[in-house]
Protein backbone atom coordinates (compact mmCIF):
# COMPACT_ATOMS: atom_id res chain seq x y z
CA MET A 1 0.00 0.00 0.00
CA ARG A 2 1.37 3.41 -0.89
CA GLU A 3 1.95 5.69 2.06
CA ALA A 4 -0.74 8.28 2.76
CA PRO A 5 0.34 11.97 2.67
CA PHE A 6 -0.89 12.56 6.25
CA LEU A 7 1.39 9.87 7.71
CA GLN A 8 5.14 9.98 8.27
CA SER A 9 7.09 6.90 9.35
CA GLN A 10 9.40 7.16 12.35
CA PRO A 11 11.67 4.50 13.91
CA ASP A 12 9.30 4.00 16.88
CA GLY A 13 5.94 4.66 15.24
CA THR A 14 4.20 7.07 12.89
CA LEU A 15 3.33 10.77 12.86
CA LEU A 16 -0.26 11.55 11.90
CA ARG A 17 -1.32 15.03 10.71
CA VAL A 18 -5.00 15.80 11.17
CA LYS A 19 -7.44 18.68 10.82
CA VAL A 20 -10.16 18.42 13.45
CA GLN A 21 -13.65 19.87 13.24
CA PRO A 22 -15.10 19.93 16.78
CA ARG A 23 -18.81 20.04 17.70
CA ALA A 24 -19.76 17.66 14.87
CA PRO A 25 -22.88 15.49 15.06
CA ARG A 26 -20.67 12.40 15.53
CA ASN A 27 -17.04 11.28 15.50
CA GLU A 28 -15.94 10.27 12.01
CA VAL A 29 -13.10 10.16 9.52
CA VAL A 30 -14.06 12.52 6.68
CA GLY A 31 -11.16 11.89 4.31
CA VAL A 32 -7.87 13.25 3.07
CA LEU A 33 -7.55 17.04 2.89
CA GLY A 34 -4.19 17.96 1.33
CA ASP A 35 -1.51 16.49 3.58
CA GLU A 36 -3.88 16.05 6.54
CA LEU A 37 -6.61 13.61 7.48
CA LYS A 38 -9.84 15.46 8.23
CA LEU A 39 -11.75 14.23 11.28
CA LYS A 40 -15.02 15.33 12.83
CA ILE A 41 -15.22 15.11 16.62
CA ALA A 42 -18.47 15.55 18.57
CA ALA A 43 -16.87 17.14 21.65
CA PRO A 44 -16.52 20.92 21.94
CA PRO A 45 -13.05 22.54 22.01
CA VAL A 46 -13.37 23.43 25.70
CA ASP A 47 -11.01 22.32 28.49
CA SER A 48 -9.29 19.91 26.07
CA ALA A 49 -12.51 17.88 25.67
CA ALA A 50 -12.05 17.71 21.88
CA ASN A 51 -8.42 16.61 22.25
CA ASP A 52 -9.41 13.86 24.70
CA ALA A 53 -12.23 12.73 22.40
CA LEU A 54 -9.84 12.79 19.42
CA ILE A 55 -7.34 10.53 21.18
CA GLU A 56 -10.10 8.15 22.28
CA PHE A 57 -11.59 8.05 18.76
CA LEU A 58 -8.22 7.39 17.11
CA ALA A 59 -7.35 4.65 19.61
CA THR A 60 -10.65 2.96 18.79
CA GLN A 61 -10.19 3.32 15.01
CA LEU A 62 -6.61 2.04 15.21
CA ASP A 63 -7.53 -0.77 17.61
CA CYS A 64 -4.74 0.17 19.99
CA PRO A 65 -4.48 1.29 23.63
CA ARG A 66 -5.13 4.97 24.27
CA ARG A 67 -1.56 5.38 25.55
CA CYS A 68 -0.26 4.61 22.03
CA VAL A 69 -1.86 7.82 20.66
CA GLU A 70 -0.04 10.96 21.79
CA LEU A 71 -0.91 14.54 20.83
CA ILE A 72 2.44 16.24 20.26
CA ARG A 73 1.53 19.48 18.45
CA GLY A 74 -1.56 21.64 17.99
CA HIS A 75 -3.22 21.44 21.41
CA LYS A 76 -5.22 24.63 20.72
CA SER A 77 -5.38 24.44 16.92
CA PRO A 78 -7.56 22.48 14.51
CA HIS A 79 -4.32 21.37 12.81
CA LYS A 80 -2.70 18.70 14.97
CA VAL A 81 0.17 16.22 14.88
CA LEU A 82 -0.14 12.97 16.80
CA LYS A 83 2.41 10.24 17.42
CA LEU A 84 1.11 6.70 16.93
CA HIS A 85 3.47 4.56 19.00
CA GLY A 86 4.13 1.06 17.71
CA LEU A 87 2.15 1.43 14.45
CA THR A 88 3.60 1.56 10.96
CA ALA A 89 2.30 4.09 8.45
CA ALA A 90 0.84 1.26 6.35
CA GLU A 91 -1.07 -0.20 9.33
CA ALA A 92 -2.40 3.22 10.33
CA ALA A 93 -3.46 4.09 6.76
CA LEU A 94 -5.28 0.80 6.34
CA LYS A 95 -7.23 1.18 9.59
CA LEU A 96 -8.01 4.90 9.20
CA LEU A 97 -8.99 4.92 5.54
CA SER A 98 -11.10 1.76 5.74
CA ALA A 99 -12.98 3.38 8.64
CA GLY A 100 -13.77 6.52 6.69
């Protein structure tokens, strides 16, 4: 599988670039938007509720423990970078794009 533009392989996992739309009707993967994966999250962007919901949603989609999904950049921005510990870019792309 060819690598998705929103994923970047690292020695210990994968970086995932996302654009998050909070306050959506439900959590869902919308699709690829440039070099980011667009996600809708139901939680509002208040007191890091959307960030927590994002991490929980991604852990569920990727079928991995929550501790394997780490928000490393963009805590107060819709444009975020997450580290997916222990997942290859190919594994992450397969699970995220088949969910969307």
